Amino acid sequence: MVINYLRTHLPDPASHKLYFDFGTVGLDAEYEPYQIKVDKVLHKGGYRERVNWITRKFEGDDHHELFWRKRVHIPLRYLLSS
């Protein structure tokens, strides 16, 4: 499972930022339980929420380019900031 891989291959939180987001419609509606597990792995691995990792949930958004286009600025600003 991807979560088990992440536990043993998590990059150093001192030099990395991670961003995750998901919607609540269609395929994305299935992500939340897994994202909660990933968030726990990140926390245990030394990541601090809103410092070097962000997880965002977008109500009513689907797994589709039309929705990603509305919010692409969020991860870009976060990941490209210093």
PDB file of N, CA and C in Angstrom:
ATOM      1  N   MET A   1       0.839  -1.178   0.000  1.00  0.00           N
ATOM      2  CA  MET A   1       0.000   0.000   0.000  1.00  0.00           C
ATOM      3  C   MET A   1       0.887   1.245   0.000  1.00  0.00           C
ATOM      4  N   VAL A   2       0.422   2.281  -0.601  1.00  0.00           N
ATOM      5  CA  VAL A   2       1.175   3.533  -0.714  1.00  0.00           C
ATOM      6  C   VAL A   2       1.515   4.108   0.655  1.00  0.00           C
ATOM      7  N   ILE A   3       0.631   3.974   1.598  1.00  0.00           N
ATOM      8  CA  ILE A   3       0.872   4.537   2.932  1.00  0.00           C
ATOM      9  C   ILE A   3       2.051   3.835   3.601  1.00  0.00           C
ATOM     10  N   ASN A   4       2.162   2.537   3.436  1.00  0.00           N
ATOM     11  CA  ASN A   4       3.313   1.814   3.992  1.00  0.00           C
ATOM     12  C   ASN A   4       4.610   2.270   3.335  1.00  0.00           C
ATOM     13  N   TYR A   5       4.589   2.482   2.044  1.00  0.00           N
ATOM     14  CA  TYR A   5       5.767   2.987   1.345  1.00  0.00           C
ATOM     15  C   TYR A   5       6.146   4.362   1.885  1.00  0.00           C
ATOM     16  N   LEU A   6       5.158   5.213   2.061  1.00  0.00           N
ATOM     17  CA  LEU A   6       5.406   6.567   2.557  1.00  0.00           C
ATOM     18  C   LEU A   6       6.076   6.543   3.928  1.00  0.00           C
ATOM     19  N   ARG A   7       5.668   5.618   4.775  1.00  0.00           N
ATOM     20  CA  ARG A   7       6.257   5.513   6.122  1.00  0.00           C
ATOM     21  C   ARG A   7       7.770   5.325   6.070  1.00  0.00           C
ATOM     22  N   THR A   8       8.242   4.585   5.097  1.00  0.00           N
ATOM     23  CA  THR A   8       9.673   4.271   5.029  1.00  0.00           C
ATOM     24  C   THR A   8      10.445   5.125   4.027  1.00  0.00           C
ATOM     25  N   HIS A   9       9.749   5.965   3.269  1.00  0.00           N
ATOM     26  CA  HIS A   9      10.412   6.773   2.245  1.00  0.00           C
ATOM     27  C   HIS A   9      10.042   8.254   2.335  1.00  0.00           C
ATOM     28  N   LEU A  10       9.604   8.675   3.475  1.00  0.00           N
ATOM     29  CA  LEU A  10       9.193  10.065   3.655  1.00  0.00           C
ATOM     30  C   LEU A  10      10.412  10.979   3.547  1.00  0.00           C
ATOM     31  N   PRO A  11      10.350  12.009   2.696  1.00  0.00           N
ATOM     32  CA  PRO A  11      11.495  12.917   2.602  1.00  0.00           C
ATOM     33  C   PRO A  11      11.669  13.741   3.875  1.00  0.00           C
ATOM     34  N   ASP A  12      12.835  14.276   4.047  1.00  0.00           N
ATOM     35  CA  ASP A  12      13.181  15.067   5.228  1.00  0.00           C
ATOM     36  C   ASP A  12      12.300  16.314   5.316  1.00  0.00           C
ATOM     37  N   PRO A  13      11.555  16.479   6.401  1.00  0.00           N
ATOM     38  CA  PRO A  13      10.681  17.647   6.524  1.00  0.00           C
ATOM     39  C   PRO A  13      11.437  18.968   6.629  1.00  0.00           C
ATOM     40  N   ALA A  14      12.723  18.919   6.951  1.00  0.00           N
ATOM     41  CA  ALA A  14      13.509  20.152   7.034  1.00  0.00           C
ATOM     42  C   ALA A  14      13.779  20.748   5.655  1.00  0.00           C
ATOM     43  N   SER A  15      13.685  19.922   4.619  1.00  0.00           N
ATOM     44  CA  SER A  15      14.019  20.405   3.278  1.00  0.00           C
ATOM     45  C   SER A  15      12.930  20.139   2.240  1.00  0.00           C
ATOM     46  N   HIS A  16      11.752  19.745   2.690  1.00  0.00           N
ATOM     47  CA  HIS A  16      10.670  19.441   1.752  1.00  0.00           C
ATOM     48  C   HIS A  16       9.349  20.041   2.214  1.00  0.00           C
ATOM     49  N   LYS A  17       8.500  20.335   1.231  1.00  0.00           N
ATOM     50  CA  LYS A  17       7.118  20.740   1.475  1.00  0.00           C
ATOM     51  C   LYS A  17       6.218  19.771   0.723  1.00  0.00           C
ATOM     52  N   LEU A  18       5.084  19.454   1.306  1.00  0.00           N
ATOM     53  CA  LEU A  18       4.121  18.566   0.661  1.00  0.00           C
ATOM     54  C   LEU A  18       2.751  19.229   0.643  1.00  0.00           C
ATOM     55  N   TYR A  19       2.023  19.010  -0.447  1.00  0.00           N
ATOM     56  CA  TYR A  19       0.676  19.567  -0.590  1.00  0.00           C
ATOM     57  C   TYR A  19      -0.247  18.466  -1.099  1.00  0.00           C
ATOM     58  N   PHE A  20      -1.402  18.344  -0.461  1.00  0.00           N
ATOM     59  CA  PHE A  20      -2.434  17.406  -0.885  1.00  0.00           C
ATOM     60  C   PHE A  20      -3.761  18.144  -0.906  1.00  0.00           C
ATOM     61  N   ASP A  21      -4.595  17.820  -1.884  1.00  0.00           N
ATOM     62  CA  ASP A  21      -5.974  18.291  -1.819  1.00  0.00           C
ATOM     63  C   ASP A  21      -6.892  17.278  -2.476  1.00  0.00           C
ATOM     64  N   PHE A  22      -8.154  17.389  -2.142  1.00  0.00           N
ATOM     65  CA  PHE A  22      -9.153  16.480  -2.695  1.00  0.00           C
ATOM     66  C   PHE A  22     -10.515  17.143  -2.604  1.00  0.00           C
ATOM     67  N   GLY A  23     -11.425  16.674  -3.445  1.00  0.00           N
ATOM     68  CA  GLY A  23     -12.799  17.155  -3.424  1.00  0.00           C
ATOM     69  C   GLY A  23     -13.700  16.167  -2.710  1.00  0.00           C
ATOM     70  N   THR A  24     -14.988  16.407  -2.831  1.00  0.00           N
ATOM     71  CA  THR A  24     -15.963  15.558  -2.141  1.00  0.00           C
ATOM     72  C   THR A  24     -16.941  14.895  -3.107  1.00  0.00           C
ATOM     73  N   VAL A  25     -16.665  14.993  -4.410  1.00  0.00           N
ATOM     74  CA  VAL A  25     -17.564  14.459  -5.431  1.00  0.00           C
ATOM     75  C   VAL A  25     -16.784  13.488  -6.318  1.00  0.00           C
ATOM     76  N   GLY A  26     -17.472  12.471  -6.826  1.00  0.00           N
ATOM     77  CA  GLY A  26     -16.852  11.531  -7.752  1.00  0.00           C
ATOM     78  C   GLY A  26     -15.712  10.760  -7.109  1.00  0.00           C
ATOM     79  N   LEU A  27     -14.662  10.525  -7.883  1.00  0.00           N
ATOM     80  CA  LEU A  27     -13.501   9.777  -7.403  1.00  0.00           C
ATOM     81  C   LEU A  27     -12.912  10.393  -6.138  1.00  0.00           C
ATOM     82  N   ASP A  28     -12.842  11.706  -6.088  1.00  0.00           N
ATOM     83  CA  ASP A  28     -12.266  12.382  -4.921  1.00  0.00           C
ATOM     84  C   ASP A  28     -13.017  12.076  -3.629  1.00  0.00           C
ATOM     85  N   ALA A  29     -14.283  11.755  -3.723  1.00  0.00           N
ATOM     86  CA  ALA A  29     -15.077  11.468  -2.523  1.00  0.00           C
ATOM     87  C   ALA A  29     -14.533  10.261  -1.761  1.00  0.00           C
ATOM     88  N   GLU A  30     -13.746   9.430  -2.431  1.00  0.00           N
ATOM     89  CA  GLU A  30     -13.181   8.229  -1.804  1.00  0.00           C
ATOM     90  C   GLU A  30     -11.852   8.495  -1.097  1.00  0.00           C
ATOM     91  N   TYR A  31     -11.255   9.665  -1.279  1.00  0.00           N
ATOM     92  CA  TYR A  31      -9.892   9.924  -0.811  1.00  0.00           C
ATOM     93  C   TYR A  31      -9.755  10.198   0.680  1.00  0.00           C
ATOM     94  N   GLU A  32     -10.747  10.801   1.279  1.00  0.00           N
ATOM     95  CA  GLU A  32     -10.568  11.327   2.636  1.00  0.00           C
ATOM     96  C   GLU A  32     -10.050  10.311   3.657  1.00  0.00           C
ATOM     97  N   PRO A  33     -10.585   9.096   3.743  1.00  0.00           N
ATOM     98  CA  PRO A  33     -10.064   8.164   4.759  1.00  0.00           C
ATOM     99  C   PRO A  33      -8.569   7.865   4.572  1.00  0.00           C
ATOM    100  N   TYR A  34      -8.128   7.804   3.329  1.00  0.00           N
ATOM    101  CA  TYR A  34      -6.712   7.551   3.053  1.00  0.00           C
ATOM    102  C   TYR A  34      -5.873   8.789   3.348  1.00  0.00           C
ATOM    103  N   GLN A  35      -6.424   9.952   3.046  1.00  0.00           N
ATOM    104  CA  GLN A  35      -5.686  11.181   3.323  1.00  0.00           C
ATOM    105  C   GLN A  35      -5.480  11.369   4.819  1.00  0.00           C
ATOM    106  N   ILE A  36      -6.449  10.992   5.605  1.00  0.00           N
ATOM    107  CA  ILE A  36      -6.304  11.067   7.066  1.00  0.00           C
ATOM    108  C   ILE A  36      -5.132  10.195   7.520  1.00  0.00           C
ATOM    109  N   LYS A  37      -5.003   9.006   6.931  1.00  0.00           N
ATOM    110  CA  LYS A  37      -3.879   8.121   7.267  1.00  0.00           C
ATOM    111  C   LYS A  37      -2.549   8.731   6.829  1.00  0.00           C
ATOM    112  N   VAL A  38      -2.522   9.308   5.639  1.00  0.00           N
ATOM    113  CA  VAL A  38      -1.301   9.964   5.155  1.00  0.00           C
ATOM    114  C   VAL A  38      -0.927  11.115   6.079  1.00  0.00           C
ATOM    115  N   ASP A  39      -1.914  11.909   6.477  1.00  0.00           N
ATOM    116  CA  ASP A  39      -1.644  13.036   7.375  1.00  0.00           C
ATOM    117  C   ASP A  39      -1.020  12.567   8.688  1.00  0.00           C
ATOM    118  N   LYS A  40      -1.479  11.441   9.209  1.00  0.00           N
ATOM    119  CA  LYS A  40      -0.902  10.898  10.444  1.00  0.00           C
ATOM    120  C   LYS A  40       0.553  10.485  10.239  1.00  0.00           C
ATOM    121  N   VAL A  41       0.848   9.882   9.092  1.00  0.00           N
ATOM    122  CA  VAL A  41       2.229   9.504   8.779  1.00  0.00           C
ATOM    123  C   VAL A  41       3.107  10.748   8.695  1.00  0.00           C
ATOM    124  N   LEU A  42       2.609  11.786   8.054  1.00  0.00           N
ATOM    125  CA  LEU A  42       3.383  13.029   7.933  1.00  0.00           C
ATOM    126  C   LEU A  42       3.661  13.625   9.305  1.00  0.00           C
ATOM    127  N   HIS A  43       2.642  13.668  10.136  1.00  0.00           N
ATOM    128  CA  HIS A  43       2.805  14.230  11.481  1.00  0.00           C
ATOM    129  C   HIS A  43       3.851  13.439  12.275  1.00  0.00           C
ATOM    130  N   LYS A  44       3.737  12.120  12.244  1.00  0.00           N
ATOM    131  CA  LYS A  44       4.706  11.274  12.960  1.00  0.00           C
ATOM    132  C   LYS A  44       6.109  11.389  12.368  1.00  0.00           C
ATOM    133  N   GLY A  45       6.181  11.740  11.080  1.00  0.00           N
ATOM    134  CA  GLY A  45       7.469  11.877  10.411  1.00  0.00           C
ATOM    135  C   GLY A  45       8.109  13.243  10.578  1.00  0.00           C
ATOM    136  N   GLY A  46       7.497  14.096  11.393  1.00  0.00           N
ATOM    137  CA  GLY A  46       8.103  15.391  11.680  1.00  0.00           C
ATOM    138  C   GLY A  46       7.563  16.561  10.886  1.00  0.00           C
ATOM    139  N   TYR A  47       6.599  16.313  10.029  1.00  0.00           N
ATOM    140  CA  TYR A  47       5.988  17.415   9.280  1.00  0.00           C
ATOM    141  C   TYR A  47       5.023  18.173  10.179  1.00  0.00           C
ATOM    142  N   ARG A  48       4.961  19.484   9.949  1.00  0.00           N
ATOM    143  CA  ARG A  48       4.047  20.333  10.717  1.00  0.00           C
ATOM    144  C   ARG A  48       3.028  20.934   9.759  1.00  0.00           C
ATOM    145  N   GLU A  49       1.763  20.691  10.072  1.00  0.00           N
ATOM    146  CA  GLU A  49       0.686  21.171   9.205  1.00  0.00           C
ATOM    147  C   GLU A  49       0.725  22.687   9.087  1.00  0.00           C
ATOM    148  N   ARG A  50       0.553  23.139   7.861  1.00  0.00           N
ATOM    149  CA  ARG A  50       0.569  24.559   7.483  1.00  0.00           C
ATOM    150  C   ARG A  50       1.967  25.172   7.553  1.00  0.00           C
ATOM    151  N   VAL A  51       2.974  24.375   7.865  1.00  0.00           N
ATOM    152  CA  VAL A  51       4.357  24.850   7.839  1.00  0.00           C
ATOM    153  C   VAL A  51       5.076  24.203   6.651  1.00  0.00           C
ATOM    154  N   ASN A  52       5.171  22.858   6.671  1.00  0.00           N
ATOM    155  CA  ASN A  52       5.806  22.174   5.554  1.00  0.00           C
ATOM    156  C   ASN A  52       4.914  21.084   4.942  1.00  0.00           C
ATOM    157  N   TRP A  53       3.651  21.133   5.312  1.00  0.00           N
ATOM    158  CA  TRP A  53       2.664  20.262   4.650  1.00  0.00           C
ATOM    159  C   TRP A  53       1.282  20.879   4.798  1.00  0.00           C
ATOM    160  N   ILE A  54       0.515  20.751   3.726  1.00  0.00           N
ATOM    161  CA  ILE A  54      -0.871  21.236   3.719  1.00  0.00           C
ATOM    162  C   ILE A  54      -1.749  20.156   3.111  1.00  0.00           C
ATOM    163  N   THR A  55      -2.892  19.915   3.733  1.00  0.00           N
ATOM    164  CA  THR A  55      -3.951  19.090   3.163  1.00  0.00           C
ATOM    165  C   THR A  55      -5.208  19.940   3.135  1.00  0.00           C
ATOM    166  N   ARG A  56      -5.831  20.028   1.962  1.00  0.00           N
ATOM    167  CA  ARG A  56      -7.048  20.829   1.812  1.00  0.00           C
ATOM    168  C   ARG A  56      -8.168  19.972   1.229  1.00  0.00           C
ATOM    169  N   LYS A  57      -9.364  20.185   1.750  1.00  0.00           N
ATOM    170  CA  LYS A  57     -10.573  19.517   1.267  1.00  0.00           C
ATOM    171  C   LYS A  57     -11.454  20.573   0.607  1.00  0.00           C
ATOM    172  N   PHE A  58     -11.916  20.296  -0.611  1.00  0.00           N
ATOM    173  CA  PHE A  58     -12.744  21.237  -1.356  1.00  0.00           C
ATOM    174  C   PHE A  58     -14.140  20.647  -1.553  1.00  0.00           C
ATOM    175  N   GLU A  59     -15.072  21.161  -0.781  1.00  0.00           N
ATOM    176  CA  GLU A  59     -16.461  20.695  -0.837  1.00  0.00           C
ATOM    177  C   GLU A  59     -17.045  20.921  -2.232  1.00  0.00           C
ATOM    178  N   GLY A  60     -17.650  19.881  -2.780  1.00  0.00           N
ATOM    179  CA  GLY A  60     -18.323  19.978  -4.070  1.00  0.00           C
ATOM    180  C   GLY A  60     -17.416  19.845  -5.281  1.00  0.00           C
ATOM    181  N   ASP A  61     -16.106  19.724  -5.069  1.00  0.00           N
ATOM    182  CA  ASP A  61     -15.182  19.583  -6.197  1.00  0.00           C
ATOM    183  C   ASP A  61     -15.004  18.113  -6.556  1.00  0.00           C
ATOM    184  N   ASP A  62     -14.780  17.876  -7.850  1.00  0.00           N
ATOM    185  CA  ASP A  62     -14.588  16.537  -8.388  1.00  0.00           C
ATOM    186  C   ASP A  62     -13.132  16.366  -8.831  1.00  0.00           C
ATOM    187  N   HIS A  63     -12.781  15.158  -9.211  1.00  0.00           N
ATOM    188  CA  HIS A  63     -11.434  14.839  -9.702  1.00  0.00           C
ATOM    189  C   HIS A  63     -11.399  15.153 -11.199  1.00  0.00           C
ATOM    190  N   HIS A  64     -11.250  16.434 -11.511  1.00  0.00           N
ATOM    191  CA  HIS A  64     -11.352  16.866 -12.904  1.00  0.00           C
ATOM    192  C   HIS A  64     -10.624  18.190 -13.100  1.00  0.00           C
ATOM    193  N   GLU A  65     -10.094  18.379 -14.300  1.00  0.00           N
ATOM    194  CA  GLU A  65      -9.329  19.584 -14.624  1.00  0.00           C
ATOM    195  C   GLU A  65     -10.105  20.872 -14.389  1.00  0.00           C
ATOM    196  N   LEU A  66     -11.406  20.863 -14.597  1.00  0.00           N
ATOM    197  CA  LEU A  66     -12.203  22.080 -14.381  1.00  0.00           C
ATOM    198  C   LEU A  66     -12.127  22.542 -12.932  1.00  0.00           C
ATOM    199  N   PHE A  67     -12.060  21.611 -12.017  1.00  0.00           N
ATOM    200  CA  PHE A  67     -11.957  21.951 -10.599  1.00  0.00           C
ATOM    201  C   PHE A  67     -10.516  22.282 -10.224  1.00  0.00           C
ATOM    202  N   TRP A  68      -9.567  21.529 -10.769  1.00  0.00           N
ATOM    203  CA  TRP A  68      -8.154  21.796 -10.473  1.00  0.00           C
ATOM    204  C   TRP A  68      -7.773  23.198 -10.927  1.00  0.00           C
ATOM    205  N   ARG A  69      -8.313  23.620 -12.074  1.00  0.00           N
ATOM    206  CA  ARG A  69      -8.003  24.945 -12.613  1.00  0.00           C
ATOM    207  C   ARG A  69      -8.400  26.052 -11.642  1.00  0.00           C
ATOM    208  N   LYS A  70      -9.495  25.854 -10.928  1.00  0.00           N
ATOM    209  CA  LYS A  70      -9.968  26.866  -9.970  1.00  0.00           C
ATOM    210  C   LYS A  70      -9.014  27.043  -8.798  1.00  0.00           C
ATOM    211  N   ARG A  71      -8.248  26.018  -8.488  1.00  0.00           N
ATOM    212  CA  ARG A  71      -7.447  26.076  -7.266  1.00  0.00           C
ATOM    213  C   ARG A  71      -5.951  25.852  -7.468  1.00  0.00           C
ATOM    214  N   VAL A  72      -5.499  25.788  -8.691  1.00  0.00           N
ATOM    215  CA  VAL A  72      -4.081  25.501  -8.951  1.00  0.00           C
ATOM    216  C   VAL A  72      -3.162  26.546  -8.324  1.00  0.00           C
ATOM    217  N   HIS A  73      -3.656  27.757  -8.148  1.00  0.00           N
ATOM    218  CA  HIS A  73      -2.828  28.810  -7.547  1.00  0.00           C
ATOM    219  C   HIS A  73      -2.458  28.492  -6.093  1.00  0.00           C
ATOM    220  N   ILE A  74      -3.285  27.723  -5.412  1.00  0.00           N
ATOM    221  CA  ILE A  74      -3.033  27.433  -3.990  1.00  0.00           C
ATOM    222  C   ILE A  74      -1.762  26.599  -3.807  1.00  0.00           C
ATOM    223  N   PRO A  75      -1.655  25.424  -4.447  1.00  0.00           N
ATOM    224  CA  PRO A  75      -0.411  24.667  -4.264  1.00  0.00           C
ATOM    225  C   PRO A  75       0.800  25.363  -4.879  1.00  0.00           C
ATOM    226  N   LEU A  76       0.601  26.069  -5.987  1.00  0.00           N
ATOM    227  CA  LEU A  76       1.747  26.749  -6.596  1.00  0.00           C
ATOM    228  C   LEU A  76       2.319  27.815  -5.673  1.00  0.00           C
ATOM    229  N   ARG A  77       1.457  28.626  -5.092  1.00  0.00           N
ATOM    230  CA  ARG A  77       1.937  29.657  -4.156  1.00  0.00           C
ATOM    231  C   ARG A  77       2.646  29.027  -2.963  1.00  0.00           C
ATOM    232  N   TYR A  78       2.037  27.998  -2.425  1.00  0.00           N
ATOM    233  CA  TYR A  78       2.612  27.347  -1.247  1.00  0.00           C
ATOM    234  C   TYR A  78       3.956  26.683  -1.570  1.00  0.00           C
ATOM    235  N   LEU A  79       3.977  25.870  -2.607  1.00  0.00           N
ATOM    236  CA  LEU A  79       5.179  25.097  -2.916  1.00  0.00           C
ATOM    237  C   LEU A  79       6.329  25.956  -3.436  1.00  0.00           C
ATOM    238  N   LEU A  80       6.018  27.065  -4.072  1.00  0.00           N
ATOM    239  CA  LEU A  80       7.068  27.917  -4.626  1.00  0.00           C
ATOM    240  C   LEU A  80       7.496  29.042  -3.691  1.00  0.00           C
ATOM    241  N   SER A  81       6.828  29.159  -2.548  1.00  0.00           N
ATOM    242  CA  SER A  81       7.233  30.178  -1.578  1.00  0.00           C
ATOM    243  C   SER A  81       8.427  29.668  -0.775  1.00  0.00           C
ATOM    244  N   SER A  82       9.143  30.592  -0.176  1.00  0.00           N
ATOM    245  CA  SER A  82      10.326  30.172   0.592  1.00  0.00           C
ATOM    246  C   SER A  82      10.009  29.987   2.056  1.00  0.00           C
TER     247      SER A  82
END
